[in-house]
Protein backbone atom coordinates (compact mmCIF):
# COMPACT_ATOMS: atom_id res chain seq x y z
CA MET A 1 5.32 -31.55 2.76
CA GLU A 2 4.21 -30.15 6.22
CA LEU A 3 2.66 -26.76 6.60
CA ARG A 4 5.09 -26.03 9.50
CA HIS A 5 8.18 -26.67 7.13
CA LEU A 6 6.24 -24.16 4.75
CA ARG A 7 5.84 -21.46 7.48
CA HIS A 8 9.43 -21.67 8.40
CA PHE A 9 10.76 -21.41 5.11
CA VAL A 10 8.72 -18.19 4.15
CA ALA A 11 9.81 -16.62 7.60
CA VAL A 12 13.61 -17.12 6.68
CA ALA A 13 12.95 -15.91 3.04
CA GLU A 14 11.13 -12.96 4.26
CA ASP A 15 13.61 -11.87 7.09
CA ARG A 16 16.89 -13.07 5.21
CA HIS A 17 18.04 -14.16 8.44
CA PHE A 18 17.56 -17.25 10.47
CA THR A 19 18.11 -15.87 14.00
CA ARG A 20 15.66 -12.90 13.28
CA ALA A 21 13.19 -15.34 11.83
CA ALA A 22 13.37 -17.80 14.63
CA GLU A 23 12.57 -15.21 17.07
CA ARG A 24 9.75 -14.02 15.08
CA LEU A 25 8.28 -17.56 15.32
CA MET A 26 9.40 -18.05 18.68
CA VAL A 27 11.24 -21.23 18.03
CA SER A 28 14.61 -22.26 18.31
CA GLN A 29 17.20 -21.52 15.60
CA SER A 30 18.30 -25.18 15.40
CA GLY A 31 14.69 -26.45 15.09
CA LEU A 32 14.25 -23.94 12.33
CA SER A 33 17.43 -24.93 10.52
CA ALA A 34 16.44 -28.61 10.77
CA SER A 35 12.84 -27.69 9.53
CA VAL A 36 14.44 -25.86 6.46
CA ARG A 37 16.96 -28.89 5.97
CA ALA A 38 13.92 -31.29 5.89
CA LEU A 39 12.18 -29.33 3.35
CA GLU A 40 15.25 -29.19 1.33
CA ARG A 41 15.81 -33.14 1.45
CA GLU A 42 12.18 -33.57 0.41
CA LEU A 43 12.48 -31.28 -2.45
CA ARG A 44 15.99 -32.41 -3.27
CA ALA A 45 17.06 -28.84 -4.07
CA PRO A 46 18.65 -26.00 -1.97
CA LEU A 47 16.46 -23.42 -1.06
CA PHE A 48 19.11 -20.78 0.31
CA VAL A 49 22.56 -19.69 -0.09
CA ARG A 50 23.85 -19.27 3.28
CA THR A 51 27.02 -17.01 4.22
CA THR A 52 28.32 -15.69 7.40
CA ARG A 53 26.77 -12.45 6.67
CA SER A 54 23.44 -13.37 4.62
CA VAL A 55 20.84 -15.68 3.57
CA THR A 56 19.39 -15.52 0.11
CA LEU A 57 17.14 -17.40 -2.01
CA THR A 58 18.22 -19.65 -4.77
CA GLU A 59 16.36 -20.29 -7.98
CA ALA A 60 14.51 -22.99 -6.65
CA GLY A 61 13.81 -21.10 -3.28
CA ARG A 62 12.28 -18.14 -5.31
CA ALA A 63 9.91 -20.49 -7.34
CA LEU A 64 8.89 -22.17 -4.00
CA PHE A 65 8.47 -18.90 -2.31
CA THR A 66 5.72 -17.64 -4.43
CA GLU A 67 3.85 -20.91 -4.26
CA ALA A 68 4.45 -21.30 -0.56
CA VAL A 69 2.93 -17.87 0.32
CA ARG A 70 -0.04 -18.89 -1.81
CA ILE A 71 -0.63 -22.05 -0.08
CA LEU A 72 -0.34 -20.50 3.43
CA ASP A 73 -2.73 -17.72 2.58
CA ARG A 74 -5.43 -20.36 1.06
CA VAL A 75 -4.89 -22.36 4.62
CA ARG A 76 -5.37 -19.13 6.45
CA ALA A 77 -8.49 -18.06 4.60
CA ALA A 78 -9.97 -21.58 5.38
CA GLN A 79 -9.40 -21.48 8.93
CA GLU A 80 -10.95 -18.12 9.15
CA ALA A 81 -13.90 -19.04 7.18
CA VAL A 82 -14.69 -21.99 9.23
CA ALA A 83 -14.29 -19.74 12.40
CA ALA A 84 -16.55 -17.30 10.88
CA VAL A 85 -19.18 -19.79 10.20
CA GLN A 86 -18.91 -20.61 13.97
CA GLY A 87 -19.76 -16.96 14.82
CA VAL A 88 -16.12 -15.84 15.88
CA LEU A 89 -13.64 -13.82 13.54
CA ARG A 90 -9.82 -14.83 14.28
CA GLY A 91 -6.97 -15.05 12.47
CA THR A 92 -4.91 -12.04 10.76
CA LEU A 93 -6.16 -9.11 8.72
CA CYS A 94 -3.13 -7.31 6.56
CA VAL A 95 -4.47 -3.93 5.49
CA GLY A 96 -2.53 -1.90 3.26
CA THR A 97 -2.71 1.85 2.80
CA GLU A 98 -1.14 4.92 0.88
CA GLN A 99 -0.35 7.63 3.56
CA CYS A 100 -2.96 10.58 4.10
CA ILE A 101 -5.45 8.70 1.94
CA ALA A 102 -8.57 10.51 1.25
CA GLY A 103 -12.10 9.17 2.14
CA VAL A 104 -11.08 7.03 4.88
CA ARG A 105 -9.55 7.43 8.56
CA VAL A 106 -7.59 4.22 8.61
CA ALA A 107 -6.22 4.41 12.13
CA ARG A 108 -9.89 5.25 13.61
CA LEU A 109 -11.55 2.34 11.23
CA LEU A 110 -8.68 0.17 12.68
CA ALA A 111 -9.42 0.85 16.26
CA ALA A 112 -13.01 0.24 15.61
CA PHE A 113 -12.42 -3.15 14.20
CA ARG A 114 -10.10 -4.28 16.91
CA ARG A 115 -12.82 -3.31 19.61
CA LEU A 116 -15.23 -5.65 17.71
CA HIS A 117 -12.99 -8.32 16.91
CA PRO A 118 -9.91 -8.65 19.50
CA ARG A 119 -9.19 -12.08 18.32
CA VAL A 120 -7.99 -10.85 14.92
CA GLU A 121 -4.45 -9.80 14.76
CA ILE A 122 -4.17 -6.65 12.29
CA ARG A 123 -0.91 -5.83 10.26
CA LEU A 124 -0.53 -2.72 8.38
CA ARG A 125 1.48 -2.13 5.43
CA GLN A 126 2.01 1.20 3.62
CA ALA A 127 3.15 1.45 0.27
CA GLY A 128 2.18 3.03 -3.27
CA SER A 129 -0.97 2.17 -5.16
CA GLY A 130 0.75 0.13 -7.90
CA ALA A 131 2.35 -2.05 -5.21
CA LEU A 132 -0.60 -2.33 -3.14
CA ALA A 133 -2.70 -3.49 -6.18
CA GLU A 134 -0.27 -6.50 -6.85
CA GLU A 135 -0.31 -7.43 -3.35
CA VAL A 136 -3.69 -7.76 -2.94
CA ALA A 137 -4.12 -9.53 -6.06
CA ALA A 138 -1.39 -11.98 -5.08
CA GLY A 139 -3.01 -12.74 -1.69
CA GLY A 140 -0.43 -10.89 0.22
CA VAL A 141 -2.62 -8.18 1.50
CA ASP A 142 -6.50 -8.67 2.42
CA LEU A 143 -7.45 -5.27 1.06
CA ALA A 144 -5.92 -1.77 0.54
CA PHE A 145 -7.02 1.67 0.68
CA ALA A 146 -5.29 3.22 -2.23
CA VAL A 147 -5.67 5.47 -5.74
CA ARG A 148 -7.72 3.73 -8.52
CA THR A 149 -5.14 1.68 -10.40
CA PRO A 150 -5.93 0.00 -13.70
CA VAL A 151 -5.68 -3.89 -13.12
CA ALA A 152 -5.87 -6.93 -15.34
CA GLY A 153 -8.90 -9.22 -15.73
CA ASP A 154 -11.14 -9.61 -12.75
CA GLN A 155 -8.33 -10.06 -10.03
CA LEU A 156 -9.26 -7.09 -8.03
CA ARG A 157 -12.47 -5.20 -7.01
CA SER A 158 -12.31 -1.52 -6.58
CA VAL A 159 -15.11 -0.20 -4.10
CA PRO A 160 -15.26 3.86 -4.56
CA LEU A 161 -14.33 5.90 -1.50
CA THR A 162 -14.07 9.55 -2.59
CA THR A 163 -12.88 11.87 -5.52
CA GLU A 164 -11.39 15.23 -5.19
CA PRO A 165 -9.63 17.77 -7.36
CA MET A 166 -6.04 18.27 -7.58
CA THR A 167 -4.49 21.55 -6.52
CA VAL A 168 -1.47 23.43 -7.03
CA LEU A 169 0.69 24.46 -3.98
CA CYS A 170 3.24 27.18 -4.17
CA HIS A 171 5.05 29.59 -2.00
CA PRO A 172 3.56 33.14 -1.40
CA ALA A 173 6.35 34.78 -3.27
CA HIS A 174 5.88 32.60 -6.39
CA ARG A 175 5.28 34.34 -9.68
CA LEU A 176 1.64 32.51 -9.95
CA ALA A 177 0.61 33.16 -6.28
CA ARG A 178 -1.32 36.29 -6.97
CA GLY A 179 -3.20 34.88 -9.88
CA GLY A 180 -6.10 32.73 -10.23
CA PRO A 181 -6.58 29.04 -11.37
CA VAL A 182 -3.75 27.35 -13.50
CA THR A 183 -3.37 24.93 -16.30
CA PRO A 184 -0.79 22.33 -16.78
CA GLU A 185 0.58 24.77 -19.62
CA ASP A 186 1.18 27.38 -17.17
CA LEU A 187 3.24 24.96 -15.12
CA GLY A 188 5.44 23.65 -18.03
CA GLY A 189 8.67 25.30 -16.91
CA GLU A 190 8.36 24.98 -13.07
CA GLU A 191 10.47 22.78 -10.73
CA PHE A 192 8.16 20.44 -9.02
CA VAL A 193 8.21 18.41 -5.68
CA ASP A 194 6.42 15.13 -5.87
CA PHE A 195 6.23 11.70 -4.82
CA HIS A 196 7.81 8.57 -5.97
CA PRO A 197 6.22 7.30 -9.21
CA ASP A 198 3.88 4.46 -7.57
CA TRP A 199 2.22 6.84 -5.08
CA GLY A 200 -1.29 7.93 -5.92
CA PRO A 201 -0.96 11.76 -6.25
CA ARG A 202 2.28 11.32 -8.39
CA ARG A 203 0.42 8.87 -10.81
CA THR A 204 -2.61 11.28 -10.96
CA THR A 205 -0.40 14.25 -11.51
CA ASP A 206 1.64 12.29 -14.20
CA ALA A 207 -1.47 11.44 -16.10
CA VAL A 208 -2.89 15.05 -15.90
CA PHE A 209 0.40 16.43 -17.64
CA ALA A 210 0.79 13.54 -19.94
CA GLU A 211 -2.84 13.89 -21.22
CA ALA A 212 -2.11 17.85 -21.77
CA GLY A 213 1.10 17.02 -23.62
CA VAL A 214 3.26 18.98 -21.05
CA ARG A 215 6.54 17.85 -20.13
CA ARG A 216 7.44 18.74 -16.36
CA THR A 217 10.60 18.22 -14.15
CA VAL A 218 10.27 16.63 -10.95
CA ALA A 219 13.48 18.12 -9.22
CA LEU A 220 12.56 16.99 -5.60
CA GLU A 221 11.09 13.36 -5.18
CA VAL A 222 9.88 12.72 -1.74
CA SER A 223 8.16 9.57 0.18
CA ASP A 224 6.03 11.44 2.60
CA VAL A 225 3.52 14.33 2.81
CA HIS A 226 5.44 16.24 5.34
CA SER A 227 8.82 16.73 3.37
CA LEU A 228 6.70 17.67 0.66
CA LEU A 229 4.97 20.60 2.00
CA GLU A 230 8.45 21.60 3.86
CA LEU A 231 10.05 21.68 0.43
CA VAL A 232 7.59 23.74 -0.95
CA GLN A 233 7.29 26.25 2.13
CA GLU A 234 11.07 26.59 1.48
CA GLY A 235 10.14 27.75 -2.05
CA LEU A 236 12.10 25.09 -3.66
CA GLY A 237 9.21 23.91 -5.89
CA VAL A 238 5.48 23.85 -6.53
CA ALA A 239 3.46 20.84 -5.98
CA VAL A 240 0.36 19.35 -7.40
CA VAL A 241 -1.49 17.46 -4.80
CA PRO A 242 -5.04 16.41 -3.79
CA ARG A 243 -7.15 19.29 -2.32
CA HIS A 244 -7.21 17.97 1.23
CA PHE A 245 -3.45 18.37 1.56
CA GLY A 246 -3.92 22.12 1.58
CA ALA A 247 -5.74 21.84 4.90
CA LYS A 248 -2.86 20.22 6.78
CA ARG A 249 -1.02 22.24 9.35
CA GLU A 250 2.20 22.03 7.37
CA ALA A 251 0.43 23.84 4.44
CA ALA A 252 -0.31 27.09 6.49
CA GLY A 253 1.06 29.87 4.62
CA LEU A 254 0.95 28.23 1.40
CA VAL A 255 -1.11 29.41 -1.55
CA SER A 256 -3.50 26.71 -3.15
CA LEU A 257 -4.38 27.36 -6.83
CA ASP A 258 -7.27 25.38 -8.67
CA LEU A 259 -5.82 23.09 -11.36
CA LYS A 260 -8.21 23.76 -14.66
CA GLY A 261 -8.05 22.08 -17.99
CA VAL A 262 -7.52 18.55 -16.83
CA GLY A 263 -10.86 17.23 -18.19
CA GLU A 264 -12.38 14.34 -16.10
CA ARG A 265 -8.96 13.50 -14.33
CA ALA A 266 -9.24 13.74 -10.44
CA TYR A 267 -7.65 12.03 -7.58
CA GLU A 268 -10.04 9.11 -6.92
CA THR A 269 -9.22 6.93 -3.91
CA VAL A 270 -10.86 3.35 -3.66
CA ALA A 271 -10.81 0.30 -1.40
CA LEU A 272 -9.12 -2.47 -3.38
CA LEU A 273 -10.00 -6.28 -2.68
CA PRO A 274 -9.61 -9.66 -4.22
CA ALA A 275 -12.38 -11.58 -5.95
CA GLU A 276 -15.54 -12.03 -3.76
CA ALA A 277 -14.61 -15.58 -3.40
CA ALA A 278 -11.31 -14.92 -2.23
CA THR A 279 -12.01 -11.99 0.17
CA SER A 280 -11.69 -13.18 3.85
CA PRO A 281 -14.16 -12.83 6.58
CA ALA A 282 -12.22 -10.29 8.42
CA ALA A 283 -11.84 -8.18 5.19
CA ARG A 284 -15.60 -8.38 4.66
CA ALA A 285 -16.02 -7.37 8.35
CA LEU A 286 -13.80 -4.34 8.02
CA MET A 287 -15.64 -3.17 4.84
CA GLY A 288 -18.81 -3.68 6.37
CA LEU A 289 -17.74 -1.57 9.37
CA LEU A 290 -16.46 1.01 6.98
CA GLU A 291 -19.99 1.30 5.17
CA THR A 292 -21.75 1.59 8.54
CA ALA A 293 -19.55 4.15 10.07
CA GLY A 294 -18.97 6.22 6.79
CA SER A 295 -15.81 7.37 5.51
CA ASP A 296 -15.11 10.14 8.12
């Protein structure tokens, strides 16, 4: 089984399209198809169901995909480790992040990394903290900036970045706007604007209300900060968010209220990395740069 065949198979599986995969790999479509057929002959099993409109994995293909990704990740790690010993970082650094994460300026950090290590290809993936934790543990992402997430065993390491309280944002005409700090009980009958359940602020807020024993209704569910703030600006609901969201330009005019009675619960951001032995040289270099430059 050749690594070339595995790379071709993974590309088709990810793109679900032979033409797009061939373009990404910069190989001919006929050569890519021949490579996949050779792998199928060797394994004595079809890996894809091909139609005129789609390409989907068979059961055998799904089983191979997991192992192929793991094999290619370990080969890449081995190549990068040898290059690091020789004093040159190269290869790929795949970084995951939640949007508007506190404690690190991701774009500035990656720009500084590129200046120092121009031979490393940087890839960036934005997702919720739960998905990012799974991808780091599986080896698909080298490290991620996320909200602290419970993980099983010793698959992940968490490096603290910052901690801040959660606050309530509401329209100036809201009934609570002229009051002081509020508790989850004060918000029990409100309609909320919030993120999808896997995003860090939503996870933190859900935990706050669950611990307080207060049910809440998330009427408007979004996947970006700007939409959330715009909906609150229109008086369509209140939002419980990390404190730094209130300093955004889009939050101008909204009322920010302290959220009390939540015990030790806070919005805590971390860098998620695999076990020390599985951490790539590029990920170590990025963390070293973060520690040297500071979080802001």
